[in-house]
Amino acid sequence: MSTIQHLFNRSLTIRRKQLLNGFKKDFSTVTASMPAHIQRGTSNTAIDIYGVDRAAFSGWVDINADVKKNDMIIDQSDGRIYMVSAVIRQGTDTAVNEHKELILAEYPK
C-alpha cells in the first residue's frame, strides 16, 4: 500500500475535550506533531453536508491518526485553530492511498 504522506506539509497538535478534575471538561492534548496537509475546502459541501458555518478547510492525515469529530486542531506551522466537523476514511481496503479526510471549520482566536 502506498500513502499520501509525501504531501503532508503541516504539523498538527490534536486536542480533545476530556473530563478533567472530576466533573469539568476541557481540551487536553491527545497527539502532538502529527503530519498533515490542509487546504481551503469547498464551502458549499461543508455547509450543506456537515453544517460548517465558518471558513471551511479540508485536511488529510494518516489512516491511523487518532482524530475524531469535535477535536480541536492547532496548526503548528501558522498557528491557525480548527474544529473537526467530520472524519471520513478514504480508500479503506481498496485504494492505494488509505487516509482520513477531515472537514474543518476555522476556530476564532
PDB file of N, CA and C in Angstrom:
ATOM      1  N   MET A   1       0.822  -1.198   0.000  1.00  0.00           N
ATOM      2  CA  MET A   1       0.000   0.000   0.000  1.00  0.00           C
ATOM      3  C   MET A   1       0.861   1.255   0.000  1.00  0.00           C
ATOM      4  N   SER A   2       0.512   2.163  -0.849  1.00  0.00           N
ATOM      5  CA  SER A   2       1.172   3.459  -0.909  1.00  0.00           C
ATOM      6  C   SER A   2       0.394   4.431  -0.022  1.00  0.00           C
ATOM      7  N   THR A   3       0.995   5.553   0.280  1.00  0.00           N
ATOM      8  CA  THR A   3       0.306   6.549   1.095  1.00  0.00           C
ATOM      9  C   THR A   3       0.436   7.921   0.454  1.00  0.00           C
ATOM     10  N   ILE A   4      -0.256   8.869   1.017  1.00  0.00           N
ATOM     11  CA  ILE A   4      -0.152  10.248   0.555  1.00  0.00           C
ATOM     12  C   ILE A   4       0.728  11.075   1.495  1.00  0.00           C
ATOM     13  N   GLN A   5       1.484  10.405   2.342  1.00  0.00           N
ATOM     14  CA  GLN A   5       2.275  11.107   3.345  1.00  0.00           C
ATOM     15  C   GLN A   5       3.302  12.053   2.740  1.00  0.00           C
ATOM     16  N   HIS A   6       3.739  11.816   1.517  1.00  0.00           N
ATOM     17  CA  HIS A   6       4.713  12.716   0.900  1.00  0.00           C
ATOM     18  C   HIS A   6       4.109  14.099   0.639  1.00  0.00           C
ATOM     19  N   LEU A   7       2.787  14.221   0.720  1.00  0.00           N
ATOM     20  CA  LEU A   7       2.112  15.507   0.532  1.00  0.00           C
ATOM     21  C   LEU A   7       1.935  16.276   1.835  1.00  0.00           C
ATOM     22  N   PHE A   8       2.185  15.625   2.965  1.00  0.00           N
ATOM     23  CA  PHE A   8       1.955  16.265   4.261  1.00  0.00           C
ATOM     24  C   PHE A   8       3.008  17.343   4.500  1.00  0.00           C
ATOM     25  N   ASN A   9       2.554  18.595   4.583  1.00  0.00           N
ATOM     26  CA  ASN A   9       3.466  19.724   4.746  1.00  0.00           C
ATOM     27  C   ASN A   9       3.159  20.551   5.997  1.00  0.00           C
ATOM     28  N   ARG A  10       2.325  20.028   6.869  1.00  0.00           N
ATOM     29  CA  ARG A  10       1.946  20.714   8.110  1.00  0.00           C
ATOM     30  C   ARG A  10       2.189  19.802   9.296  1.00  0.00           C
ATOM     31  N   SER A  11       2.347  20.408  10.450  1.00  0.00           N
ATOM     32  CA  SER A  11       2.473  19.660  11.691  1.00  0.00           C
ATOM     33  C   SER A  11       1.342  20.115  12.615  1.00  0.00           C
ATOM     34  N   LEU A  12       0.527  19.171  13.068  1.00  0.00           N
ATOM     35  CA  LEU A  12      -0.662  19.499  13.848  1.00  0.00           C
ATOM     36  C   LEU A  12      -0.578  18.973  15.271  1.00  0.00           C
ATOM     37  N   THR A  13      -1.250  19.681  16.151  1.00  0.00           N
ATOM     38  CA  THR A  13      -1.485  19.200  17.508  1.00  0.00           C
ATOM     39  C   THR A  13      -2.984  18.951  17.621  1.00  0.00           C
ATOM     40  N   ILE A  14      -3.362  17.767  18.104  1.00  0.00           N
ATOM     41  CA  ILE A  14      -4.765  17.425  18.274  1.00  0.00           C
ATOM     42  C   ILE A  14      -5.121  17.581  19.744  1.00  0.00           C
ATOM     43  N   ARG A  15      -6.203  18.317  20.000  1.00  0.00           N
ATOM     44  CA  ARG A  15      -6.693  18.472  21.374  1.00  0.00           C
ATOM     45  C   ARG A  15      -8.134  17.978  21.420  1.00  0.00           C
ATOM     46  N   ARG A  16      -8.463  17.267  22.484  1.00  0.00           N
ATOM     47  CA  ARG A  16      -9.787  16.661  22.620  1.00  0.00           C
ATOM     48  C   ARG A  16     -10.377  17.060  23.960  1.00  0.00           C
ATOM     49  N   LYS A  17     -11.680  17.352  23.964  1.00  0.00           N
ATOM     50  CA  LYS A  17     -12.362  17.708  25.206  1.00  0.00           C
ATOM     51  C   LYS A  17     -12.510  16.453  26.044  1.00  0.00           C
ATOM     52  N   GLN A  18     -11.940  16.473  27.239  1.00  0.00           N
ATOM     53  CA  GLN A  18     -11.968  15.316  28.125  1.00  0.00           C
ATOM     54  C   GLN A  18     -12.312  15.768  29.529  1.00  0.00           C
ATOM     55  N   LEU A  19     -12.801  14.825  30.305  1.00  0.00           N
ATOM     56  CA  LEU A  19     -13.151  15.098  31.684  1.00  0.00           C
ATOM     57  C   LEU A  19     -11.884  15.311  32.507  1.00  0.00           C
ATOM     58  N   LEU A  20     -11.798  16.458  33.146  1.00  0.00           N
ATOM     59  CA  LEU A  20     -10.656  16.780  33.995  1.00  0.00           C
ATOM     60  C   LEU A  20     -11.165  17.159  35.385  1.00  0.00           C
ATOM     61  N   ASN A  21     -10.449  16.799  36.400  1.00  0.00           N
ATOM     62  CA  ASN A  21     -10.782  17.169  37.775  1.00  0.00           C
ATOM     63  C   ASN A  21     -12.223  16.835  38.169  1.00  0.00           C
ATOM     64  N   GLY A  22     -12.645  15.616  37.930  1.00  0.00           N
ATOM     65  CA  GLY A  22     -13.951  15.173  38.395  1.00  0.00           C
ATOM     66  C   GLY A  22     -15.094  15.440  37.453  1.00  0.00           C
ATOM     67  N   PHE A  23     -15.539  16.702  37.299  1.00  0.00           N
ATOM     68  CA  PHE A  23     -16.722  16.987  36.505  1.00  0.00           C
ATOM     69  C   PHE A  23     -16.494  18.026  35.419  1.00  0.00           C
ATOM     70  N   LYS A  24     -15.381  18.707  35.422  1.00  0.00           N
ATOM     71  CA  LYS A  24     -15.113  19.770  34.456  1.00  0.00           C
ATOM     72  C   LYS A  24     -14.490  19.201  33.186  1.00  0.00           C
ATOM     73  N   LYS A  25     -15.049  19.590  32.021  1.00  0.00           N
ATOM     74  CA  LYS A  25     -14.480  19.163  30.745  1.00  0.00           C
ATOM     75  C   LYS A  25     -13.667  20.312  30.155  1.00  0.00           C
ATOM     76  N   ASP A  26     -12.511  19.968  29.609  1.00  0.00           N
ATOM     77  CA  ASP A  26     -11.667  20.951  28.963  1.00  0.00           C
ATOM     78  C   ASP A  26     -10.828  20.226  27.916  1.00  0.00           C
ATOM     79  N   PHE A  27     -10.232  20.991  27.012  1.00  0.00           N
ATOM     80  CA  PHE A  27      -9.398  20.391  25.977  1.00  0.00           C
ATOM     81  C   PHE A  27      -8.040  20.016  26.545  1.00  0.00           C
ATOM     82  N   SER A  28      -7.583  18.820  26.208  1.00  0.00           N
ATOM     83  CA  SER A  28      -6.239  18.399  26.565  1.00  0.00           C
ATOM     84  C   SER A  28      -5.592  17.783  25.327  1.00  0.00           C
ATOM     85  N   THR A  29      -4.268  17.824  25.271  1.00  0.00           N
ATOM     86  CA  THR A  29      -3.543  17.362  24.093  1.00  0.00           C
ATOM     87  C   THR A  29      -3.603  15.849  23.989  1.00  0.00           C
ATOM     88  N   VAL A  30      -3.973  15.366  22.798  1.00  0.00           N
ATOM     89  CA  VAL A  30      -4.035  13.937  22.526  1.00  0.00           C
ATOM     90  C   VAL A  30      -2.804  13.518  21.720  1.00  0.00           C
ATOM     91  N   THR A  31      -2.495  14.284  20.683  1.00  0.00           N
ATOM     92  CA  THR A  31      -1.371  13.979  19.800  1.00  0.00           C
ATOM     93  C   THR A  31      -0.618  15.268  19.502  1.00  0.00           C
ATOM     94  N   ALA A  32       0.676  15.228  19.576  1.00  0.00           N
ATOM     95  CA  ALA A  32       1.492  16.387  19.220  1.00  0.00           C
ATOM     96  C   ALA A  32       2.290  16.063  17.963  1.00  0.00           C
ATOM     97  N   SER A  33       2.467  17.032  17.115  1.00  0.00           N
ATOM     98  CA  SER A  33       3.291  16.922  15.911  1.00  0.00           C
ATOM     99  C   SER A  33       2.843  15.816  14.968  1.00  0.00           C
ATOM    100  N   MET A  34       1.571  15.821  14.615  1.00  0.00           N
ATOM    101  CA  MET A  34       1.051  14.871  13.643  1.00  0.00           C
ATOM    102  C   MET A  34       1.158  15.497  12.253  1.00  0.00           C
ATOM    103  N   PRO A  35       1.797  14.819  11.279  1.00  0.00           N
ATOM    104  CA  PRO A  35       1.914  15.372   9.938  1.00  0.00           C
ATOM    105  C   PRO A  35       0.574  15.357   9.210  1.00  0.00           C
ATOM    106  N   ALA A  36       0.336  16.385   8.374  1.00  0.00           N
ATOM    107  CA  ALA A  36      -0.932  16.500   7.656  1.00  0.00           C
ATOM    108  C   ALA A  36      -0.790  17.463   6.488  1.00  0.00           C
ATOM    109  N   HIS A  37      -1.842  17.525   5.697  1.00  0.00           N
ATOM    110  CA  HIS A  37      -1.969  18.540   4.650  1.00  0.00           C
ATOM    111  C   HIS A  37      -3.318  19.211   4.854  1.00  0.00           C
ATOM    112  N   ILE A  38      -3.359  20.547   4.788  1.00  0.00           N
ATOM    113  CA  ILE A  38      -4.597  21.313   4.946  1.00  0.00           C
ATOM    114  C   ILE A  38      -4.691  22.312   3.809  1.00  0.00           C
ATOM    115  N   GLN A  39      -5.912  22.447   3.260  1.00  0.00           N
ATOM    116  CA  GLN A  39      -6.152  23.482   2.254  1.00  0.00           C
ATOM    117  C   GLN A  39      -7.603  23.934   2.358  1.00  0.00           C
ATOM    118  N   ARG A  40      -7.881  25.116   1.799  1.00  0.00           N
ATOM    119  CA  ARG A  40      -9.248  25.639   1.841  1.00  0.00           C
ATOM    120  C   ARG A  40     -10.157  24.662   1.114  1.00  0.00           C
ATOM    121  N   GLY A  41     -11.281  24.351   1.736  1.00  0.00           N
ATOM    122  CA  GLY A  41     -12.230  23.397   1.158  1.00  0.00           C
ATOM    123  C   GLY A  41     -13.320  24.103   0.393  1.00  0.00           C
ATOM    124  N   THR A  42     -14.219  23.307  -0.149  1.00  0.00           N
ATOM    125  CA  THR A  42     -15.368  23.873  -0.846  1.00  0.00           C
ATOM    126  C   THR A  42     -16.452  24.162   0.176  1.00  0.00           C
ATOM    127  N   SER A  43     -16.771  25.403   0.342  1.00  0.00           N
ATOM    128  CA  SER A  43     -17.716  25.823   1.380  1.00  0.00           C
ATOM    129  C   SER A  43     -19.091  25.198   1.202  1.00  0.00           C
ATOM    130  N   ASN A  44     -19.568  25.068  -0.037  1.00  0.00           N
ATOM    131  CA  ASN A  44     -20.911  24.523  -0.243  1.00  0.00           C
ATOM    132  C   ASN A  44     -21.030  23.108   0.306  1.00  0.00           C
ATOM    133  N   THR A  45     -20.063  22.270   0.032  1.00  0.00           N
ATOM    134  CA  THR A  45     -20.096  20.899   0.543  1.00  0.00           C
ATOM    135  C   THR A  45     -20.052  20.895   2.059  1.00  0.00           C
ATOM    136  N   ALA A  46     -19.168  21.681   2.630  1.00  0.00           N
ATOM    137  CA  ALA A  46     -19.031  21.716   4.086  1.00  0.00           C
ATOM    138  C   ALA A  46     -20.305  22.223   4.746  1.00  0.00           C
ATOM    139  N   ILE A  47     -20.923  23.241   4.170  1.00  0.00           N
ATOM    140  CA  ILE A  47     -22.150  23.804   4.747  1.00  0.00           C
ATOM    141  C   ILE A  47     -23.315  22.839   4.564  1.00  0.00           C
ATOM    142  N   ASP A  48     -23.490  22.342   3.337  1.00  0.00           N
ATOM    143  CA  ASP A  48     -24.651  21.504   3.027  1.00  0.00           C
ATOM    144  C   ASP A  48     -24.628  20.161   3.751  1.00  0.00           C
ATOM    145  N   ILE A  49     -23.470  19.522   3.798  1.00  0.00           N
ATOM    146  CA  ILE A  49     -23.409  18.166   4.338  1.00  0.00           C
ATOM    147  C   ILE A  49     -23.030  18.138   5.810  1.00  0.00           C
ATOM    148  N   TYR A  50     -22.061  18.963   6.207  1.00  0.00           N
ATOM    149  CA  TYR A  50     -21.517  18.864   7.559  1.00  0.00           C
ATOM    150  C   TYR A  50     -21.889  20.016   8.471  1.00  0.00           C
ATOM    151  N   GLY A  51     -22.649  20.997   7.991  1.00  0.00           N
ATOM    152  CA  GLY A  51     -23.116  22.077   8.835  1.00  0.00           C
ATOM    153  C   GLY A  51     -22.048  23.062   9.262  1.00  0.00           C
ATOM    154  N   VAL A  52     -20.949  23.140   8.522  1.00  0.00           N
ATOM    155  CA  VAL A  52     -19.888  24.085   8.860  1.00  0.00           C
ATOM    156  C   VAL A  52     -20.370  25.485   8.512  1.00  0.00           C
ATOM    157  N   ASP A  53     -20.353  26.387   9.486  1.00  0.00           N
ATOM    158  CA  ASP A  53     -20.850  27.740   9.246  1.00  0.00           C
ATOM    159  C   ASP A  53     -19.735  28.788   9.261  1.00  0.00           C
ATOM    160  N   ARG A  54     -18.489  28.340   9.251  1.00  0.00           N
ATOM    161  CA  ARG A  54     -17.348  29.257   9.205  1.00  0.00           C
ATOM    162  C   ARG A  54     -16.495  28.879   8.002  1.00  0.00           C
ATOM    163  N   ALA A  55     -15.366  29.523   7.849  1.00  0.00           N
ATOM    164  CA  ALA A  55     -14.460  29.194   6.753  1.00  0.00           C
ATOM    165  C   ALA A  55     -14.154  27.701   6.787  1.00  0.00           C
ATOM    166  N   ALA A  56     -14.396  27.020   5.670  1.00  0.00           N
ATOM    167  CA  ALA A  56     -14.227  25.577   5.606  1.00  0.00           C
ATOM    168  C   ALA A  56     -12.873  25.208   5.016  1.00  0.00           C
ATOM    169  N   PHE A  57     -12.260  24.188   5.598  1.00  0.00           N
ATOM    170  CA  PHE A  57     -10.985  23.672   5.126  1.00  0.00           C
ATOM    171  C   PHE A  57     -11.078  22.158   5.065  1.00  0.00           C
ATOM    172  N   SER A  58     -10.240  21.560   4.247  1.00  0.00           N
ATOM    173  CA  SER A  58     -10.102  20.109   4.202  1.00  0.00           C
ATOM    174  C   SER A  58      -8.712  19.756   4.674  1.00  0.00           C
ATOM    175  N   GLY A  59      -8.619  18.652   5.376  1.00  0.00           N
ATOM    176  CA  GLY A  59      -7.323  18.188   5.847  1.00  0.00           C
ATOM    177  C   GLY A  59      -7.182  16.706   5.568  1.00  0.00           C
ATOM    178  N   TRP A  60      -5.947  16.240   5.410  1.00  0.00           N
ATOM    179  CA  TRP A  60      -5.670  14.837   5.162  1.00  0.00           C
ATOM    180  C   TRP A  60      -4.602  14.381   6.129  1.00  0.00           C
ATOM    181  N   VAL A  61      -4.849  13.256   6.772  1.00  0.00           N
ATOM    182  CA  VAL A  61      -3.913  12.683   7.742  1.00  0.00           C
ATOM    183  C   VAL A  61      -3.799  11.185   7.487  1.00  0.00           C
ATOM    184  N   ASP A  62      -2.841  10.559   8.146  1.00  0.00           N
ATOM    185  CA  ASP A  62      -2.645   9.123   8.034  1.00  0.00           C
ATOM    186  C   ASP A  62      -3.899   8.367   8.486  1.00  0.00           C
ATOM    187  N   ILE A  63      -4.151   7.230   7.886  1.00  0.00           N
ATOM    188  CA  ILE A  63      -5.329   6.424   8.201  1.00  0.00           C
ATOM    189  C   ILE A  63      -5.379   6.028   9.681  1.00  0.00           C
ATOM    190  N   ASN A  64      -4.236   5.918  10.335  1.00  0.00           N
ATOM    191  CA  ASN A  64      -4.184   5.519  11.741  1.00  0.00           C
ATOM    192  C   ASN A  64      -4.171   6.695  12.713  1.00  0.00           C
ATOM    193  N   ALA A  65      -4.306   7.906  12.219  1.00  0.00           N
ATOM    194  CA  ALA A  65      -4.265   9.085  13.086  1.00  0.00           C
ATOM    195  C   ALA A  65      -5.430   9.068  14.071  1.00  0.00           C
ATOM    196  N   ASP A  66      -5.160   9.442  15.313  1.00  0.00           N
ATOM    197  CA  ASP A  66      -6.172   9.495  16.359  1.00  0.00           C
ATOM    198  C   ASP A  66      -6.836  10.867  16.340  1.00  0.00           C
ATOM    199  N   VAL A  67      -7.789  11.036  15.441  1.00  0.00           N
ATOM    200  CA  VAL A  67      -8.525  12.296  15.331  1.00  0.00           C
ATOM    201  C   VAL A  67     -10.006  11.963  15.205  1.00  0.00           C
ATOM    202  N   LYS A  68     -10.839  12.748  15.923  1.00  0.00           N
ATOM    203  CA  LYS A  68     -12.276  12.486  15.971  1.00  0.00           C
ATOM    204  C   LYS A  68     -13.056  13.778  15.758  1.00  0.00           C
ATOM    205  N   LYS A  69     -14.332  13.613  15.434  1.00  0.00           N
ATOM    206  CA  LYS A  69     -15.227  14.756  15.308  1.00  0.00           C
ATOM    207  C   LYS A  69     -15.215  15.550  16.613  1.00  0.00           C
ATOM    208  N   ASN A  70     -15.226  16.868  16.509  1.00  0.00           N
ATOM    209  CA  ASN A  70     -15.210  17.822  17.624  1.00  0.00           C
ATOM    210  C   ASN A  70     -13.844  18.004  18.273  1.00  0.00           C
ATOM    211  N   ASP A  71     -12.803  17.355  17.743  1.00  0.00           N
ATOM    212  CA  ASP A  71     -11.445  17.640  18.215  1.00  0.00           C
ATOM    213  C   ASP A  71     -11.046  19.039  17.763  1.00  0.00           C
ATOM    214  N   MET A  72     -10.141  19.636  18.496  1.00  0.00           N
ATOM    215  CA  MET A  72      -9.553  20.914  18.116  1.00  0.00           C
ATOM    216  C   MET A  72      -8.176  20.614  17.521  1.00  0.00           C
ATOM    217  N   ILE A  73      -7.886  21.241  16.375  1.00  0.00           N
ATOM    218  CA  ILE A  73      -6.596  21.050  15.721  1.00  0.00           C
ATOM    219  C   ILE A  73      -5.867  22.383  15.704  1.00  0.00           C
ATOM    220  N   ILE A  74      -4.623  22.367  16.129  1.00  0.00           N
ATOM    221  CA  ILE A  74      -3.782  23.565  16.082  1.00  0.00           C
ATOM    222  C   ILE A  74      -2.691  23.308  15.063  1.00  0.00           C
ATOM    223  N   ASP A  75      -2.648  24.144  14.037  1.00  0.00           N
ATOM    224  CA  ASP A  75      -1.620  24.033  13.000  1.00  0.00           C
ATOM    225  C   ASP A  75      -0.361  24.711  13.519  1.00  0.00           C
ATOM    226  N   GLN A  76       0.652  23.917  13.825  1.00  0.00           N
ATOM    227  CA  GLN A  76       1.892  24.462  14.375  1.00  0.00           C
ATOM    228  C   GLN A  76       2.649  25.297  13.347  1.00  0.00           C
ATOM    229  N   SER A  77       2.308  25.127  12.063  1.00  0.00           N
ATOM    230  CA  SER A  77       3.002  25.862  11.004  1.00  0.00           C
ATOM    231  C   SER A  77       2.614  27.335  10.959  1.00  0.00           C
ATOM    232  N   ASP A  78       1.314  27.644  11.206  1.00  0.00           N
ATOM    233  CA  ASP A  78       0.879  29.039  11.120  1.00  0.00           C
ATOM    234  C   ASP A  78       0.019  29.489  12.304  1.00  0.00           C
ATOM    235  N   GLY A  79      -0.224  28.600  13.267  1.00  0.00           N
ATOM    236  CA  GLY A  79      -0.977  28.975  14.459  1.00  0.00           C
ATOM    237  C   GLY A  79      -2.483  28.956  14.303  1.00  0.00           C
ATOM    238  N   ARG A  80      -2.997  28.626  13.123  1.00  0.00           N
ATOM    239  CA  ARG A  80      -4.446  28.572  12.944  1.00  0.00           C
ATOM    240  C   ARG A  80      -5.039  27.447  13.791  1.00  0.00           C
ATOM    241  N   ILE A  81      -6.289  27.660  14.212  1.00  0.00           N
ATOM    242  CA  ILE A  81      -7.006  26.678  15.014  1.00  0.00           C
ATOM    243  C   ILE A  81      -8.261  26.274  14.250  1.00  0.00           C
ATOM    244  N   TYR A  82      -8.531  24.964  14.224  1.00  0.00           N
ATOM    245  CA  TYR A  82      -9.687  24.419  13.522  1.00  0.00           C
ATOM    246  C   TYR A  82     -10.449  23.487  14.456  1.00  0.00           C
ATOM    247  N   MET A  83     -11.752  23.357  14.200  1.00  0.00           N
ATOM    248  CA  MET A  83     -12.568  22.339  14.842  1.00  0.00           C
ATOM    249  C   MET A  83     -12.898  21.297  13.784  1.00  0.00           C
ATOM    250  N   VAL A  84     -12.828  20.023  14.162  1.00  0.00           N
ATOM    251  CA  VAL A  84     -13.106  18.937  13.233  1.00  0.00           C
ATOM    252  C   VAL A  84     -14.622  18.730  13.154  1.00  0.00           C
ATOM    253  N   SER A  85     -15.192  18.926  11.961  1.00  0.00           N
ATOM    254  CA  SER A  85     -16.630  18.744  11.748  1.00  0.00           C
ATOM    255  C   SER A  85     -16.968  17.337  11.297  1.00  0.00           C
ATOM    256  N   ALA A  86     -16.011  16.667  10.631  1.00  0.00           N
ATOM    257  CA  ALA A  86     -16.239  15.296  10.169  1.00  0.00           C
ATOM    258  C   ALA A  86     -14.901  14.630   9.900  1.00  0.00           C
ATOM    259  N   VAL A  87     -14.873  13.315  10.078  1.00  0.00           N
ATOM    260  CA  VAL A  87     -13.708  12.495   9.757  1.00  0.00           C
ATOM    261  C   VAL A  87     -14.193  11.421   8.786  1.00  0.00           C
ATOM    262  N   ILE A  88     -13.590  11.386   7.603  1.00  0.00           N
ATOM    263  CA  ILE A  88     -14.011  10.458   6.557  1.00  0.00           C
ATOM    264  C   ILE A  88     -12.844   9.550   6.202  1.00  0.00           C
ATOM    265  N   ARG A  89     -13.031   8.250   6.355  1.00  0.00           N
ATOM    266  CA  ARG A  89     -11.995   7.277   5.981  1.00  0.00           C
ATOM    267  C   ARG A  89     -12.041   7.105   4.472  1.00  0.00           C
ATOM    268  N   GLN A  90     -10.917   7.330   3.813  1.00  0.00           N
ATOM    269  CA  GLN A  90     -10.843   7.231   2.356  1.00  0.00           C
ATOM    270  C   GLN A  90      -9.974   6.049   1.951  1.00  0.00           C
ATOM    271  N   GLY A  91     -10.444   5.312   0.953  1.00  0.00           N
ATOM    272  CA  GLY A  91      -9.641   4.245   0.365  1.00  0.00           C
ATOM    273  C   GLY A  91      -9.453   3.018   1.223  1.00  0.00           C
ATOM    274  N   THR A  92     -10.258   2.851   2.245  1.00  0.00           N
ATOM    275  CA  THR A  92     -10.084   1.711   3.141  1.00  0.00           C
ATOM    276  C   THR A  92     -10.239   0.401   2.373  1.00  0.00           C
ATOM    277  N   ASP A  93      -9.192  -0.411   2.422  1.00  0.00           N
ATOM    278  CA  ASP A  93      -9.164  -1.754   1.834  1.00  0.00           C
ATOM    279  C   ASP A  93      -9.200  -1.812   0.310  1.00  0.00           C
ATOM    280  N   THR A  94      -9.385  -0.703  -0.373  1.00  0.00           N
ATOM    281  CA  THR A  94      -9.494  -0.775  -1.837  1.00  0.00           C
ATOM    282  C   THR A  94      -8.515   0.126  -2.576  1.00  0.00           C
ATOM    283  N   ALA A  95      -8.157   1.241  -2.032  1.00  0.00           N
ATOM    284  CA  ALA A  95      -7.328   2.211  -2.754  1.00  0.00           C
ATOM    285  C   ALA A  95      -5.862   2.077  -2.366  1.00  0.00           C
ATOM    286  N   VAL A  96      -5.019   2.699  -3.170  1.00  0.00           N
ATOM    287  CA  VAL A  96      -3.586   2.643  -2.890  1.00  0.00           C
ATOM    288  C   VAL A  96      -3.156   3.700  -1.885  1.00  0.00           C
ATOM    289  N   ASN A  97      -4.036   4.630  -1.564  1.00  0.00           N
ATOM    290  CA  ASN A  97      -3.638   5.672  -0.615  1.00  0.00           C
ATOM    291  C   ASN A  97      -4.681   5.842   0.494  1.00  0.00           C
ATOM    292  N   GLU A  98      -4.729   4.894   1.398  1.00  0.00           N
ATOM    293  CA  GLU A  98      -5.631   4.981   2.533  1.00  0.00           C
ATOM    294  C   GLU A  98      -5.258   6.188   3.395  1.00  0.00           C
ATOM    295  N   HIS A  99      -6.264   6.948   3.802  1.00  0.00           N
ATOM    296  CA  HIS A  99      -6.038   8.113   4.641  1.00  0.00           C
ATOM    297  C   HIS A  99      -7.373   8.554   5.233  1.00  0.00           C
ATOM    298  N   LYS A 100      -7.311   9.513   6.140  1.00  0.00           N
ATOM    299  CA  LYS A 100      -8.518  10.140   6.672  1.00  0.00           C
ATOM    300  C   LYS A 100      -8.600  11.552   6.115  1.00  0.00           C
ATOM    301  N   GLU A 101      -9.787  11.905   5.637  1.00  0.00           N
ATOM    302  CA  GLU A 101     -10.038  13.276   5.212  1.00  0.00           C
ATOM    303  C   GLU A 101     -10.812  13.963   6.323  1.00  0.00           C
ATOM    304  N   LEU A 102     -10.403  15.168   6.669  1.00  0.00           N
ATOM    305  CA  LEU A 102     -11.036  15.932   7.740  1.00  0.00           C
ATOM    306  C   LEU A 102     -11.766  17.128   7.146  1.00  0.00           C
ATOM    307  N   ILE A 103     -12.985  17.360   7.571  1.00  0.00           N
ATOM    308  CA  ILE A 103     -13.693  18.588   7.240  1.00  0.00           C
ATOM    309  C   ILE A 103     -13.527  19.497   8.449  1.00  0.00           C
ATOM    310  N   LEU A 104     -12.928  20.655   8.213  1.00  0.00           N
ATOM    311  CA  LEU A 104     -12.510  21.534   9.306  1.00  0.00           C
ATOM    312  C   LEU A 104     -13.223  22.887   9.217  1.00  0.00           C
ATOM    313  N   ALA A 105     -13.535  23.449  10.363  1.00  0.00           N
ATOM    314  CA  ALA A 105     -14.056  24.810  10.455  1.00  0.00           C
ATOM    315  C   ALA A 105     -13.024  25.632  11.195  1.00  0.00           C
ATOM    316  N   GLU A 106     -12.660  26.787  10.628  1.00  0.00           N
ATOM    317  CA  GLU A 106     -11.676  27.627  11.295  1.00  0.00           C
ATOM    318  C   GLU A 106     -12.268  28.137  12.601  1.00  0.00           C
ATOM    319  N   TYR A 107     -11.521  28.018  13.659  1.00  0.00           N
ATOM    320  CA  TYR A 107     -11.946  28.382  15.004  1.00  0.00           C
ATOM    321  C   TYR A 107     -11.485  29.812  15.278  1.00  0.00           C
ATOM    322  N   PRO A 108     -12.375  30.672  15.733  1.00  0.00           N
ATOM    323  CA  PRO A 108     -11.962  32.048  16.012  1.00  0.00           C
ATOM    324  C   PRO A 108     -10.986  32.115  17.182  1.00  0.00           C
ATOM    325  N   LYS A 109      -9.977  32.950  17.038  1.00  0.00           N
ATOM    326  CA  LYS A 109      -8.959  33.085  18.113  1.00  0.00           C
ATOM    327  C   LYS A 109      -9.461  33.987  19.208  1.00  0.00           C
TER     328      LYS A 109
END
